[in-house]
PDB file of N, CA and C in Angstrom:
ATOM      1  N   MET A   1      48.937 -54.540  41.008  1.00  0.00           N
ATOM      2  CA  MET A   1      47.947 -54.691  39.953  1.00  0.00           C
ATOM      3  C   MET A   1      46.487 -56.007  39.855  1.00  0.00           C
ATOM      4  N   SER A   2      46.606 -56.055  40.708  1.00  0.00           N
ATOM      5  CA  SER A   2      45.593 -57.638  40.651  1.00  0.00           C
ATOM      6  C   SER A   2      44.359 -57.599  39.551  1.00  0.00           C
ATOM      7  N   GLY A   3      44.932 -58.564  38.260  1.00  0.00           N
ATOM      8  CA  GLY A   3      44.063 -59.007  38.313  1.00  0.00           C
ATOM      9  C   GLY A   3      43.800 -58.011  36.696  1.00  0.00           C
ATOM     10  N   ILE A   4      44.953 -57.433  37.018  1.00  0.00           N
ATOM     11  CA  ILE A   4      45.279 -56.468  35.747  1.00  0.00           C
ATOM     12  C   ILE A   4      46.215 -57.252  34.811  1.00  0.00           C
ATOM     13  N   LYS A   5      45.960 -57.039  33.471  1.00  0.00           N
ATOM     14  CA  LYS A   5      46.979 -57.947  32.286  1.00  0.00           C
ATOM     15  C   LYS A   5      47.391 -56.967  31.144  1.00  0.00           C
ATOM     16  N   PHE A   6      46.558 -56.039  31.230  1.00  0.00           N
ATOM     17  CA  PHE A   6      47.113 -55.290  29.313  1.00  0.00           C
ATOM     18  C   PHE A   6      47.227 -53.966  29.677  1.00  0.00           C
ATOM     19  N   LEU A   7      47.795 -53.455  29.236  1.00  0.00           N
ATOM     20  CA  LEU A   7      47.617 -51.704  28.848  1.00  0.00           C
ATOM     21  C   LEU A   7      47.284 -51.726  27.680  1.00  0.00           C
ATOM     22  N   LEU A   8      46.346 -50.753  27.121  1.00  0.00           N
ATOM     23  CA  LEU A   8      45.758 -50.375  26.402  1.00  0.00           C
ATOM     24  C   LEU A   8      46.435 -49.184  25.093  1.00  0.00           C
ATOM     25  N   ASP A   9      46.946 -49.324  24.253  1.00  0.00           N
ATOM     26  CA  ASP A   9      47.694 -47.908  23.464  1.00  0.00           C
ATOM     27  C   ASP A   9      46.162 -47.342  23.235  1.00  0.00           C
ATOM     28  N   THR A  10      46.739 -45.840  22.654  1.00  0.00           N
ATOM     29  CA  THR A  10      45.771 -45.206  22.417  1.00  0.00           C
ATOM     30  C   THR A  10      45.063 -45.736  20.966  1.00  0.00           C
ATOM     31  N   ASN A  11      45.704 -46.082  20.137  1.00  0.00           N
ATOM     32  CA  ASN A  11      45.005 -46.931  19.064  1.00  0.00           C
ATOM     33  C   ASN A  11      44.024 -48.239  18.981  1.00  0.00           C
ATOM     34  N   ILE A  12      44.157 -48.718  20.159  1.00  0.00           N
ATOM     35  CA  ILE A  12      43.218 -50.043  20.579  1.00  0.00           C
ATOM     36  C   ILE A  12      42.234 -49.250  20.917  1.00  0.00           C
ATOM     37  N   ILE A  13      42.031 -48.254  21.572  1.00  0.00           N
ATOM     38  CA  ILE A  13      41.172 -47.568  22.515  1.00  0.00           C
ATOM     39  C   ILE A  13      40.170 -47.244  21.094  1.00  0.00           C
ATOM     40  N   ILE A  14      40.980 -46.492  20.677  1.00  0.00           N
ATOM     41  CA  ILE A  14      40.111 -45.800  19.072  1.00  0.00           C
ATOM     42  C   ILE A  14      39.600 -47.015  18.394  1.00  0.00           C
ATOM     43  N   GLY A  15      40.508 -47.986  18.159  1.00  0.00           N
ATOM     44  CA  GLY A  15      39.832 -49.052  17.430  1.00  0.00           C
ATOM     45  C   GLY A  15      38.320 -49.767  18.155  1.00  0.00           C
ATOM     46  N   MET A  16      38.245 -49.589  19.422  1.00  0.00           N
ATOM     47  CA  MET A  16      37.374 -50.313  20.255  1.00  0.00           C
ATOM     48  C   MET A  16      36.188 -49.470  19.835  1.00  0.00           C
ATOM     49  N   TYR A  17      36.252 -47.863  19.699  1.00  0.00           N
ATOM     50  CA  TYR A  17      35.399 -47.273  19.860  1.00  0.00           C
ATOM     51  C   TYR A  17      34.785 -47.028  18.770  1.00  0.00           C
ATOM     52  N   GLY A  18      36.209 -47.432  17.496  1.00  0.00           N
ATOM     53  CA  GLY A  18      35.212 -47.354  16.241  1.00  0.00           C
ATOM     54  C   GLY A  18      35.028 -48.965  15.663  1.00  0.00           C
ATOM     55  N   ARG A  19      34.897 -49.865  16.605  1.00  0.00           N
ATOM     56  CA  ARG A  19      34.662 -51.201  16.011  1.00  0.00           C
ATOM     57  C   ARG A  19      35.813 -52.017  15.429  1.00  0.00           C
ATOM     58  N   ASN A  20      36.827 -51.623  14.467  1.00  0.00           N
ATOM     59  CA  ASN A  20      37.632 -51.786  14.511  1.00  0.00           C
ATOM     60  C   ASN A  20      37.802 -53.444  14.244  1.00  0.00           C
ATOM     61  N   PRO A  21      37.720 -53.680  13.150  1.00  0.00           N
ATOM     62  CA  PRO A  21      37.931 -55.217  12.904  1.00  0.00           C
ATOM     63  C   PRO A  21      39.406 -56.341  13.865  1.00  0.00           C
ATOM     64  N   GLU A  22      39.914 -55.406  13.153  1.00  0.00           N
ATOM     65  CA  GLU A  22      41.563 -55.530  13.881  1.00  0.00           C
ATOM     66  C   GLU A  22      41.840 -56.172  15.193  1.00  0.00           C
ATOM     67  N   VAL A  23      41.056 -54.565  16.108  1.00  0.00           N
ATOM     68  CA  VAL A  23      41.215 -54.671  17.315  1.00  0.00           C
ATOM     69  C   VAL A  23      40.241 -55.479  17.977  1.00  0.00           C
ATOM     70  N   ILE A  24      39.308 -55.588  17.744  1.00  0.00           N
ATOM     71  CA  ILE A  24      38.139 -56.812  18.374  1.00  0.00           C
ATOM     72  C   ILE A  24      38.575 -58.251  18.464  1.00  0.00           C
ATOM     73  N   GLU A  25      39.868 -58.318  17.203  1.00  0.00           N
ATOM     74  CA  GLU A  25      40.029 -59.716  16.915  1.00  0.00           C
ATOM     75  C   GLU A  25      41.899 -59.833  18.025  1.00  0.00           C
ATOM     76  N   LEU A  26      42.333 -58.579  17.834  1.00  0.00           N
ATOM     77  CA  LEU A  26      43.766 -58.485  19.394  1.00  0.00           C
ATOM     78  C   LEU A  26      42.695 -58.923  20.570  1.00  0.00           C
ATOM     79  N   LEU A  27      42.019 -58.062  20.732  1.00  0.00           N
ATOM     80  CA  LEU A  27      41.488 -58.288  22.076  1.00  0.00           C
ATOM     81  C   LEU A  27      40.462 -59.601  22.428  1.00  0.00           C
ATOM     82  N   THR A  28      40.079 -60.260  21.680  1.00  0.00           N
ATOM     83  CA  THR A  28      39.517 -61.320  21.267  1.00  0.00           C
ATOM     84  C   THR A  28      40.366 -62.472  21.776  1.00  0.00           C
ATOM     85  N   GLN A  29      41.488 -62.665  20.875  1.00  0.00           N
ATOM     86  CA  GLN A  29      42.459 -63.383  20.813  1.00  0.00           C
ATOM     87  C   GLN A  29      43.615 -63.463  22.285  1.00  0.00           C
ATOM     88  N   ARG A  30      43.738 -62.231  22.369  1.00  0.00           N
ATOM     89  CA  ARG A  30      44.320 -62.251  24.248  1.00  0.00           C
ATOM     90  C   ARG A  30      43.325 -62.215  25.206  1.00  0.00           C
ATOM     91  N   LYS A  31      42.256 -62.628  24.707  1.00  0.00           N
ATOM     92  CA  LYS A  31      40.831 -62.720  25.977  1.00  0.00           C
ATOM     93  C   LYS A  31      40.980 -61.517  27.161  1.00  0.00           C
ATOM     94  N   ALA A  32      40.818 -60.484  26.718  1.00  0.00           N
ATOM     95  CA  ALA A  32      41.159 -59.363  27.228  1.00  0.00           C
ATOM     96  C   ALA A  32      39.834 -58.309  27.375  1.00  0.00           C
ATOM     97  N   THR A  33      39.431 -58.890  29.017  1.00  0.00           N
ATOM     98  CA  THR A  33      38.431 -57.813  29.597  1.00  0.00           C
ATOM     99  C   THR A  33      39.003 -56.834  29.669  1.00  0.00           C
ATOM    100  N   LEU A  34      37.300 -55.452  30.143  1.00  0.00           N
ATOM    101  CA  LEU A  34      37.965 -54.637  30.484  1.00  0.00           C
ATOM    102  C   LEU A  34      38.416 -54.116  31.755  1.00  0.00           C
ATOM    103  N   ASN A  35      37.611 -55.452  32.812  1.00  0.00           N
ATOM    104  CA  ASN A  35      38.295 -55.414  33.951  1.00  0.00           C
ATOM    105  C   ASN A  35      39.952 -56.318  34.481  1.00  0.00           C
ATOM    106  N   GLN A  36      40.520 -56.338  33.025  1.00  0.00           N
ATOM    107  CA  GLN A  36      41.855 -56.514  33.089  1.00  0.00           C
ATOM    108  C   GLN A  36      42.574 -55.636  32.182  1.00  0.00           C
ATOM    109  N   CYS A  37      42.111 -54.265  31.402  1.00  0.00           N
ATOM    110  CA  CYS A  37      42.608 -53.608  31.224  1.00  0.00           C
ATOM    111  C   CYS A  37      42.827 -52.330  31.758  1.00  0.00           C
ATOM    112  N   VAL A  38      44.079 -51.697  31.676  1.00  0.00           N
ATOM    113  CA  VAL A  38      44.194 -50.170  31.739  1.00  0.00           C
ATOM    114  C   VAL A  38      45.208 -49.087  30.603  1.00  0.00           C
ATOM    115  N   TYR A  39      44.965 -48.054  31.352  1.00  0.00           N
ATOM    116  CA  TYR A  39      45.537 -47.035  30.404  1.00  0.00           C
ATOM    117  C   TYR A  39      46.315 -46.127  30.849  1.00  0.00           C
ATOM    118  N   SER A  40      47.123 -45.164  29.989  1.00  0.00           N
ATOM    119  CA  SER A  40      48.293 -44.642  30.085  1.00  0.00           C
ATOM    120  C   SER A  40      47.264 -42.861  30.677  1.00  0.00           C
ATOM    121  N   SER A  41      47.529 -42.298  31.497  1.00  0.00           N
ATOM    122  CA  SER A  41      47.382 -40.972  31.382  1.00  0.00           C
ATOM    123  C   SER A  41      47.847 -40.595  30.309  1.00  0.00           C
ATOM    124  N   ILE A  42      48.630 -40.571  29.298  1.00  0.00           N
ATOM    125  CA  ILE A  42      49.013 -40.112  27.842  1.00  0.00           C
ATOM    126  C   ILE A  42      47.952 -40.106  26.919  1.00  0.00           C
ATOM    127  N   THR A  43      47.321 -41.360  27.004  1.00  0.00           N
ATOM    128  CA  THR A  43      46.486 -41.925  26.231  1.00  0.00           C
ATOM    129  C   THR A  43      45.042 -41.468  26.481  1.00  0.00           C
ATOM    130  N   ARG A  44      45.047 -40.927  27.463  1.00  0.00           N
ATOM    131  CA  ARG A  44      43.594 -40.075  27.840  1.00  0.00           C
ATOM    132  C   ARG A  44      43.683 -38.863  27.075  1.00  0.00           C
ATOM    133  N   MET A  45      44.933 -38.308  27.145  1.00  0.00           N
ATOM    134  CA  MET A  45      45.097 -37.236  26.773  1.00  0.00           C
ATOM    135  C   MET A  45      45.258 -36.998  24.729  1.00  0.00           C
ATOM    136  N   GLU A  46      45.928 -37.900  24.580  1.00  0.00           N
ATOM    137  CA  GLU A  46      45.640 -38.047  23.094  1.00  0.00           C
ATOM    138  C   GLU A  46      44.144 -38.239  22.397  1.00  0.00           C
ATOM    139  N   LEU A  47      43.612 -39.085  23.572  1.00  0.00           N
ATOM    140  CA  LEU A  47      41.860 -39.304  22.694  1.00  0.00           C
ATOM    141  C   LEU A  47      41.287 -37.934  22.833  1.00  0.00           C
ATOM    142  N   LEU A  48      41.620 -37.726  23.933  1.00  0.00           N
ATOM    143  CA  LEU A  48      40.426 -36.031  24.237  1.00  0.00           C
ATOM    144  C   LEU A  48      40.976 -35.142  23.642  1.00  0.00           C
ATOM    145  N   GLY A  49      42.373 -34.985  22.948  1.00  0.00           N
ATOM    146  CA  GLY A  49      43.092 -33.516  22.646  1.00  0.00           C
ATOM    147  C   GLY A  49      42.733 -33.180  21.737  1.00  0.00           C
ATOM    148  N   TYR A  50      42.203 -34.254  20.598  1.00  0.00           N
ATOM    149  CA  TYR A  50      42.127 -33.365  19.495  1.00  0.00           C
ATOM    150  C   TYR A  50      41.416 -32.800  19.111  1.00  0.00           C
ATOM    151  N   PRO A  51      41.524 -31.471  18.504  1.00  0.00           N
ATOM    152  CA  PRO A  51      41.068 -30.182  18.092  1.00  0.00           C
ATOM    153  C   PRO A  51      39.638 -30.118  17.815  1.00  0.00           C
ATOM    154  N   SER A  52      39.392 -31.251  17.168  1.00  0.00           N
ATOM    155  CA  SER A  52      37.806 -31.213  16.542  1.00  0.00           C
ATOM    156  C   SER A  52      37.108 -31.963  16.916  1.00  0.00           C
ATOM    157  N   ILE A  53      37.258 -32.730  18.302  1.00  0.00           N
ATOM    158  CA  ILE A  53      36.433 -33.946  18.826  1.00  0.00           C
ATOM    159  C   ILE A  53      35.116 -33.464  18.996  1.00  0.00           C
ATOM    160  N   THR A  54      34.913 -34.145  18.749  1.00  0.00           N
ATOM    161  CA  THR A  54      32.863 -33.796  19.364  1.00  0.00           C
ATOM    162  C   THR A  54      32.546 -34.143  21.013  1.00  0.00           C
ATOM    163  N   GLN A  55      31.522 -33.012  21.070  1.00  0.00           N
ATOM    164  CA  GLN A  55      30.819 -33.442  22.473  1.00  0.00           C
ATOM    165  C   GLN A  55      30.382 -34.660  23.038  1.00  0.00           C
ATOM    166  N   THR A  56      29.780 -35.384  21.660  1.00  0.00           N
ATOM    167  CA  THR A  56      29.354 -36.653  21.595  1.00  0.00           C
ATOM    168  C   THR A  56      30.513 -38.057  21.811  1.00  0.00           C
ATOM    169  N   GLU A  57      32.083 -37.154  21.214  1.00  0.00           N
ATOM    170  CA  GLU A  57      32.935 -38.392  21.001  1.00  0.00           C
ATOM    171  C   GLU A  57      33.624 -38.482  22.357  1.00  0.00           C
ATOM    172  N   ILE A  58      33.764 -36.944  23.116  1.00  0.00           N
ATOM    173  CA  ILE A  58      34.331 -37.285  24.205  1.00  0.00           C
ATOM    174  C   ILE A  58      33.327 -37.651  25.300  1.00  0.00           C
ATOM    175  N   GLN A  59      31.967 -37.990  25.118  1.00  0.00           N
ATOM    176  CA  GLN A  59      31.183 -38.539  25.760  1.00  0.00           C
ATOM    177  C   GLN A  59      31.372 -39.875  26.485  1.00  0.00           C
ATOM    178  N   ALA A  60      31.943 -40.819  24.812  1.00  0.00           N
ATOM    179  CA  ALA A  60      31.280 -41.639  24.204  1.00  0.00           C
ATOM    180  C   ALA A  60      33.354 -41.873  24.691  1.00  0.00           C
ATOM    181  N   ILE A  61      34.025 -41.250  24.498  1.00  0.00           N
ATOM    182  CA  ILE A  61      35.370 -41.610  25.068  1.00  0.00           C
ATOM    183  C   ILE A  61      35.463 -42.268  26.642  1.00  0.00           C
ATOM    184  N   THR A  62      34.822 -40.670  27.228  1.00  0.00           N
ATOM    185  CA  THR A  62      34.796 -40.796  28.532  1.00  0.00           C
ATOM    186  C   THR A  62      34.131 -41.949  29.080  1.00  0.00           C
ATOM    187  N   GLY A  63      33.270 -42.331  28.957  1.00  0.00           N
ATOM    188  CA  GLY A  63      32.237 -43.301  29.127  1.00  0.00           C
ATOM    189  C   GLY A  63      32.964 -44.649  29.053  1.00  0.00           C
ATOM    190  N   LEU A  64      33.961 -45.023  27.885  1.00  0.00           N
ATOM    191  CA  LEU A  64      34.264 -46.092  27.756  1.00  0.00           C
ATOM    192  C   LEU A  64      35.643 -46.377  28.832  1.00  0.00           C
ATOM    193  N   LEU A  65      36.730 -45.014  28.772  1.00  0.00           N
ATOM    194  CA  LEU A  65      37.867 -44.669  29.541  1.00  0.00           C
ATOM    195  C   LEU A  65      37.505 -45.495  31.283  1.00  0.00           C
ATOM    196  N   ASN A  66      36.039 -44.668  31.784  1.00  0.00           N
ATOM    197  CA  ASN A  66      36.100 -44.829  33.035  1.00  0.00           C
ATOM    198  C   ASN A  66      35.554 -46.227  33.689  1.00  0.00           C
ATOM    199  N   ARG A  67      35.480 -47.028  32.586  1.00  0.00           N
ATOM    200  CA  ARG A  67      35.154 -48.402  32.587  1.00  0.00           C
ATOM    201  C   ARG A  67      36.608 -49.156  32.892  1.00  0.00           C
ATOM    202  N   MET A  68      37.465 -48.534  32.851  1.00  0.00           N
ATOM    203  CA  MET A  68      38.769 -48.853  33.242  1.00  0.00           C
ATOM    204  C   MET A  68      39.914 -48.116  34.274  1.00  0.00           C
ATOM    205  N   LYS A  69      41.125 -48.647  34.546  1.00  0.00           N
ATOM    206  CA  LYS A  69      41.963 -47.753  35.605  1.00  0.00           C
ATOM    207  C   LYS A  69      43.071 -47.064  34.853  1.00  0.00           C
ATOM    208  N   GLN A  70      43.028 -45.872  35.309  1.00  0.00           N
ATOM    209  CA  GLN A  70      43.929 -45.081  34.546  1.00  0.00           C
ATOM    210  C   GLN A  70      45.535 -45.133  35.318  1.00  0.00           C
ATOM    211  N   VAL A  71      46.483 -45.777  34.901  1.00  0.00           N
ATOM    212  CA  VAL A  71      47.880 -45.646  35.267  1.00  0.00           C
ATOM    213  C   VAL A  71      48.661 -43.709  34.706  1.00  0.00           C
ATOM    214  N   ASN A  72      48.766 -43.221  36.335  1.00  0.00           N
ATOM    215  CA  ASN A  72      49.574 -42.644  35.601  1.00  0.00           C
ATOM    216  C   ASN A  72      50.877 -42.206  35.753  1.00  0.00           C
ATOM    217  N   LEU A  73      51.834 -41.524  34.987  1.00  0.00           N
ATOM    218  CA  LEU A  73      52.934 -41.112  35.437  1.00  0.00           C
ATOM    219  C   LEU A  73      54.009 -41.444  37.139  1.00  0.00           C
ATOM    220  N   SER A  74      55.025 -41.966  36.773  1.00  0.00           N
ATOM    221  CA  SER A  74      55.376 -41.992  37.905  1.00  0.00           C
ATOM    222  C   SER A  74      56.978 -41.955  38.160  1.00  0.00           C
ATOM    223  N   PRO A  75      57.988 -41.662  39.047  1.00  0.00           N
ATOM    224  CA  PRO A  75      59.080 -41.690  38.960  1.00  0.00           C
ATOM    225  C   PRO A  75      59.739 -42.736  38.213  1.00  0.00           C
ATOM    226  N   ALA A  76      59.594 -44.097  38.181  1.00  0.00           N
ATOM    227  CA  ALA A  76      60.201 -45.518  37.798  1.00  0.00           C
ATOM    228  C   ALA A  76      59.602 -45.240  36.391  1.00  0.00           C
ATOM    229  N   VAL A  77      58.264 -44.829  35.936  1.00  0.00           N
ATOM    230  CA  VAL A  77      57.732 -44.520  34.345  1.00  0.00           C
ATOM    231  C   VAL A  77      58.886 -43.963  33.731  1.00  0.00           C
ATOM    232  N   GLU A  78      59.095 -42.262  34.510  1.00  0.00           N
ATOM    233  CA  GLU A  78      59.913 -41.655  33.746  1.00  0.00           C
ATOM    234  C   GLU A  78      61.049 -41.784  33.506  1.00  0.00           C
ATOM    235  N   GLU A  79      61.691 -42.718  34.734  1.00  0.00           N
ATOM    236  CA  GLU A  79      63.225 -43.253  34.066  1.00  0.00           C
ATOM    237  C   GLU A  79      63.321 -44.325  33.084  1.00  0.00           C
ATOM    238  N   GLN A  80      62.153 -45.056  32.927  1.00  0.00           N
ATOM    239  CA  GLN A  80      61.677 -46.432  32.054  1.00  0.00           C
ATOM    240  C   GLN A  80      61.897 -45.460  30.490  1.00  0.00           C
ATOM    241  N   THR A  81      61.428 -44.666  30.427  1.00  0.00           N
ATOM    242  CA  THR A  81      61.277 -43.388  29.209  1.00  0.00           C
ATOM    243  C   THR A  81      62.468 -43.069  29.008  1.00  0.00           C
ATOM    244  N   ILE A  82      62.806 -42.888  30.100  1.00  0.00           N
ATOM    245  CA  ILE A  82      64.383 -41.713  29.468  1.00  0.00           C
ATOM    246  C   ILE A  82      65.139 -42.919  28.714  1.00  0.00           C
ATOM    247  N   LYS A  83      65.308 -44.187  29.247  1.00  0.00           N
ATOM    248  CA  LYS A  83      65.871 -45.729  28.902  1.00  0.00           C
ATOM    249  C   LYS A  83      65.298 -45.890  27.680  1.00  0.00           C
ATOM    250  N   LEU A  84      64.555 -45.931  27.465  1.00  0.00           N
ATOM    251  CA  LEU A  84      63.805 -46.310  25.733  1.00  0.00           C
ATOM    252  C   LEU A  84      64.135 -45.573  24.832  1.00  0.00           C
ATOM    253  N   LYS A  85      63.795 -43.894  25.180  1.00  0.00           N
ATOM    254  CA  LYS A  85      64.208 -43.125  24.391  1.00  0.00           C
ATOM    255  C   LYS A  85      65.930 -43.044  23.931  1.00  0.00           C
ATOM    256  N   GLN A  86      66.654 -43.566  24.811  1.00  0.00           N
ATOM    257  CA  GLN A  86      68.136 -43.454  24.422  1.00  0.00           C
ATOM    258  C   GLN A  86      68.210 -44.362  23.708  1.00  0.00           C
ATOM    259  N   VAL A  87      67.595 -45.697  23.987  1.00  0.00           N
ATOM    260  CA  VAL A  87      68.079 -46.894  23.070  1.00  0.00           C
ATOM    261  C   VAL A  87      67.226 -46.281  21.300  1.00  0.00           C
ATOM    262  N   HIS A  88      66.368 -46.851  21.365  1.00  0.00           N
ATOM    263  CA  HIS A  88      65.426 -46.424  20.368  1.00  0.00           C
ATOM    264  C   HIS A  88      65.289 -45.234  19.988  1.00  0.00           C
ATOM    265  N   ARG A  89      64.524 -45.276  18.852  1.00  0.00           N
ATOM    266  CA  ARG A  89      63.894 -43.441  18.466  1.00  0.00           C
ATOM    267  C   ARG A  89      62.624 -44.083  18.183  1.00  0.00           C
ATOM    268  N   ILE A  90      61.880 -43.464  18.855  1.00  0.00           N
ATOM    269  CA  ILE A  90      60.463 -44.090  19.280  1.00  0.00           C
ATOM    270  C   ILE A  90      59.995 -42.007  19.895  1.00  0.00           C
ATOM    271  N   LYS A  91      58.971 -41.908  20.036  1.00  0.00           N
ATOM    272  CA  LYS A  91      58.077 -40.647  20.222  1.00  0.00           C
ATOM    273  C   LYS A  91      58.119 -40.774  21.489  1.00  0.00           C
ATOM    274  N   LEU A  92      58.011 -39.960  21.983  1.00  0.00           N
ATOM    275  CA  LEU A  92      57.697 -39.221  23.443  1.00  0.00           C
ATOM    276  C   LEU A  92      56.415 -39.834  24.020  1.00  0.00           C
ATOM    277  N   PRO A  93      55.381 -39.493  23.236  1.00  0.00           N
ATOM    278  CA  PRO A  93      53.789 -40.384  23.881  1.00  0.00           C
ATOM    279  C   PRO A  93      54.576 -41.611  23.757  1.00  0.00           C
ATOM    280  N   ASP A  94      54.800 -42.424  22.455  1.00  0.00           N
ATOM    281  CA  ASP A  94      54.953 -43.800  22.729  1.00  0.00           C
ATOM    282  C   ASP A  94      55.976 -44.319  23.482  1.00  0.00           C
ATOM    283  N   ALA A  95      57.011 -43.642  24.021  1.00  0.00           N
ATOM    284  CA  ALA A  95      57.680 -44.483  25.125  1.00  0.00           C
ATOM    285  C   ALA A  95      57.233 -44.182  26.028  1.00  0.00           C
ATOM    286  N   ILE A  96      56.634 -43.538  26.429  1.00  0.00           N
ATOM    287  CA  ILE A  96      55.984 -43.234  27.824  1.00  0.00           C
ATOM    288  C   ILE A  96      55.006 -44.519  28.243  1.00  0.00           C
ATOM    289  N   ILE A  97      54.112 -44.693  27.282  1.00  0.00           N
ATOM    290  CA  ILE A  97      52.556 -45.861  26.780  1.00  0.00           C
ATOM    291  C   ILE A  97      53.596 -46.877  27.166  1.00  0.00           C
ATOM    292  N   LEU A  98      54.188 -47.005  26.123  1.00  0.00           N
ATOM    293  CA  LEU A  98      55.079 -48.633  26.457  1.00  0.00           C
ATOM    294  C   LEU A  98      56.227 -48.543  27.631  1.00  0.00           C
ATOM    295  N   ALA A  99      56.818 -47.561  28.316  1.00  0.00           N
ATOM    296  CA  ALA A  99      57.545 -47.517  29.711  1.00  0.00           C
ATOM    297  C   ALA A  99      56.813 -47.733  30.913  1.00  0.00           C
ATOM    298  N   THR A 100      55.248 -47.267  30.394  1.00  0.00           N
ATOM    299  CA  THR A 100      54.699 -47.512  31.456  1.00  0.00           C
ATOM    300  C   THR A 100      54.057 -49.101  31.406  1.00  0.00           C
ATOM    301  N   ALA A 101      54.157 -49.772  30.160  1.00  0.00           N
ATOM    302  CA  ALA A 101      53.705 -51.190  30.143  1.00  0.00           C
ATOM    303  C   ALA A 101      54.887 -52.223  30.809  1.00  0.00           C
ATOM    304  N   ILE A 102      55.793 -51.789  30.312  1.00  0.00           N
ATOM    305  CA  ILE A 102      57.531 -51.970  31.055  1.00  0.00           C
ATOM    306  C   ILE A 102      57.371 -52.355  32.836  1.00  0.00           C
ATOM    307  N   THR A 103      57.222 -51.429  32.828  1.00  0.00           N
ATOM    308  CA  THR A 103      57.603 -50.519  34.633  1.00  0.00           C
ATOM    309  C   THR A 103      56.315 -51.254  35.165  1.00  0.00           C
ATOM    310  N   HIS A 104      55.249 -51.315  34.602  1.00  0.00           N
ATOM    311  CA  HIS A 104      53.799 -52.012  35.806  1.00  0.00           C
ATOM    312  C   HIS A 104      53.936 -54.050  35.132  1.00  0.00           C
ATOM    313  N   GLN A 105      54.585 -54.465  34.409  1.00  0.00           N
ATOM    314  CA  GLN A 105      55.014 -55.666  34.261  1.00  0.00           C
ATOM    315  C   GLN A 105      53.401 -55.887  33.321  1.00  0.00           C
ATOM    316  N   LEU A 106      52.870 -55.209  32.254  1.00  0.00           N
ATOM    317  CA  LEU A 106      51.789 -55.579  31.788  1.00  0.00           C
ATOM    318  C   LEU A 106      52.047 -55.732  30.008  1.00  0.00           C
ATOM    319  N   GLU A 107      51.140 -56.433  29.420  1.00  0.00           N
ATOM    320  CA  GLU A 107      51.232 -56.389  28.371  1.00  0.00           C
ATOM    321  C   GLU A 107      50.881 -55.379  27.171  1.00  0.00           C
ATOM    322  N   LEU A 108      51.401 -55.135  26.647  1.00  0.00           N
ATOM    323  CA  LEU A 108      51.099 -54.085  25.973  1.00  0.00           C
ATOM    324  C   LEU A 108      50.071 -54.075  24.237  1.00  0.00           C
ATOM    325  N   LEU A 109      49.033 -54.249  24.416  1.00  0.00           N
ATOM    326  CA  LEU A 109      48.335 -53.987  22.959  1.00  0.00           C
ATOM    327  C   LEU A 109      48.222 -52.811  22.162  1.00  0.00           C
ATOM    328  N   THR A 110      48.861 -53.231  20.974  1.00  0.00           N
ATOM    329  CA  THR A 110      48.811 -51.820  20.516  1.00  0.00           C
ATOM    330  C   THR A 110      48.591 -52.836  18.579  1.00  0.00           C
ATOM    331  N   LEU A 111      48.785 -51.775  17.647  1.00  0.00           N
ATOM    332  CA  LEU A 111      48.617 -52.031  16.605  1.00  0.00           C
ATOM    333  C   LEU A 111      49.917 -50.907  16.021  1.00  0.00           C
ATOM    334  N   ASP A 112      50.384 -50.699  16.607  1.00  0.00           N
ATOM    335  CA  ASP A 112      52.066 -50.332  16.581  1.00  0.00           C
ATOM    336  C   ASP A 112      53.232 -51.495  16.615  1.00  0.00           C
ATOM    337  N   LYS A 113      53.418 -51.729  15.476  1.00  0.00           N
ATOM    338  CA  LYS A 113      54.208 -52.807  15.355  1.00  0.00           C
ATOM    339  C   LYS A 113      55.688 -52.670  15.885  1.00  0.00           C
ATOM    340  N   LYS A 114      55.974 -51.516  15.502  1.00  0.00           N
ATOM    341  CA  LYS A 114      57.261 -51.399  15.978  1.00  0.00           C
ATOM    342  C   LYS A 114      57.226 -50.760  17.780  1.00  0.00           C
ATOM    343  N   LEU A 115      56.579 -50.661  18.360  1.00  0.00           N
ATOM    344  CA  LEU A 115      56.587 -50.714  19.765  1.00  0.00           C
ATOM    345  C   LEU A 115      56.767 -52.029  20.397  1.00  0.00           C
ATOM    346  N   LEU A 116      55.625 -53.232  19.766  1.00  0.00           N
ATOM    347  CA  LEU A 116      56.064 -54.724  19.964  1.00  0.00           C
ATOM    348  C   LEU A 116      57.440 -55.315  19.773  1.00  0.00           C
ATOM    349  N   ILE A 117      57.833 -54.780  19.096  1.00  0.00           N
ATOM    350  CA  ILE A 117      59.337 -55.281  18.795  1.00  0.00           C
ATOM    351  C   ILE A 117      60.068 -54.642  20.281  1.00  0.00           C
ATOM    352  N   LYS A 118      59.666 -53.561  20.332  1.00  0.00           N
ATOM    353  CA  LYS A 118      60.312 -52.559  21.540  1.00  0.00           C
ATOM    354  C   LYS A 118      60.437 -53.332  22.843  1.00  0.00           C
ATOM    355  N   THR A 119      59.253 -54.720  23.388  1.00  0.00           N
ATOM    356  CA  THR A 119      59.334 -55.134  24.647  1.00  0.00           C
ATOM    357  C   THR A 119      60.313 -56.221  24.771  1.00  0.00           C
ATOM    358  N   HIS A 120      61.320 -56.908  23.386  1.00  0.00           N
ATOM    359  CA  HIS A 120      61.995 -57.936  23.861  1.00  0.00           C
ATOM    360  C   HIS A 120      63.035 -57.948  23.622  1.00  0.00           C
TER     361      HIS A 120
END
């Protein structure tokens, strides 16, 4: 993944959409530009899977996602997810997102502090 440095967690993309100051600060601090960022297919499912999501929100989120690349599940990500689940009490979607970052050697940008601890 040439030039790609960061995997964005779902909460980061929600924060970008909502202009969350903490998210903006994190992205600025890490000097993360959209062309350096990717997202997991799990993130897309989480973002667009809300029962009460409006058509306007779908269009806005899809527009943001279309400016980045999506990283799909692979056998390597599946294996890393299994290892994470065996060692840590972590929800499956979070484990998949973290495993994706680890497998592709990307920095996970997240507001979820427990996921940051798992990368060390």
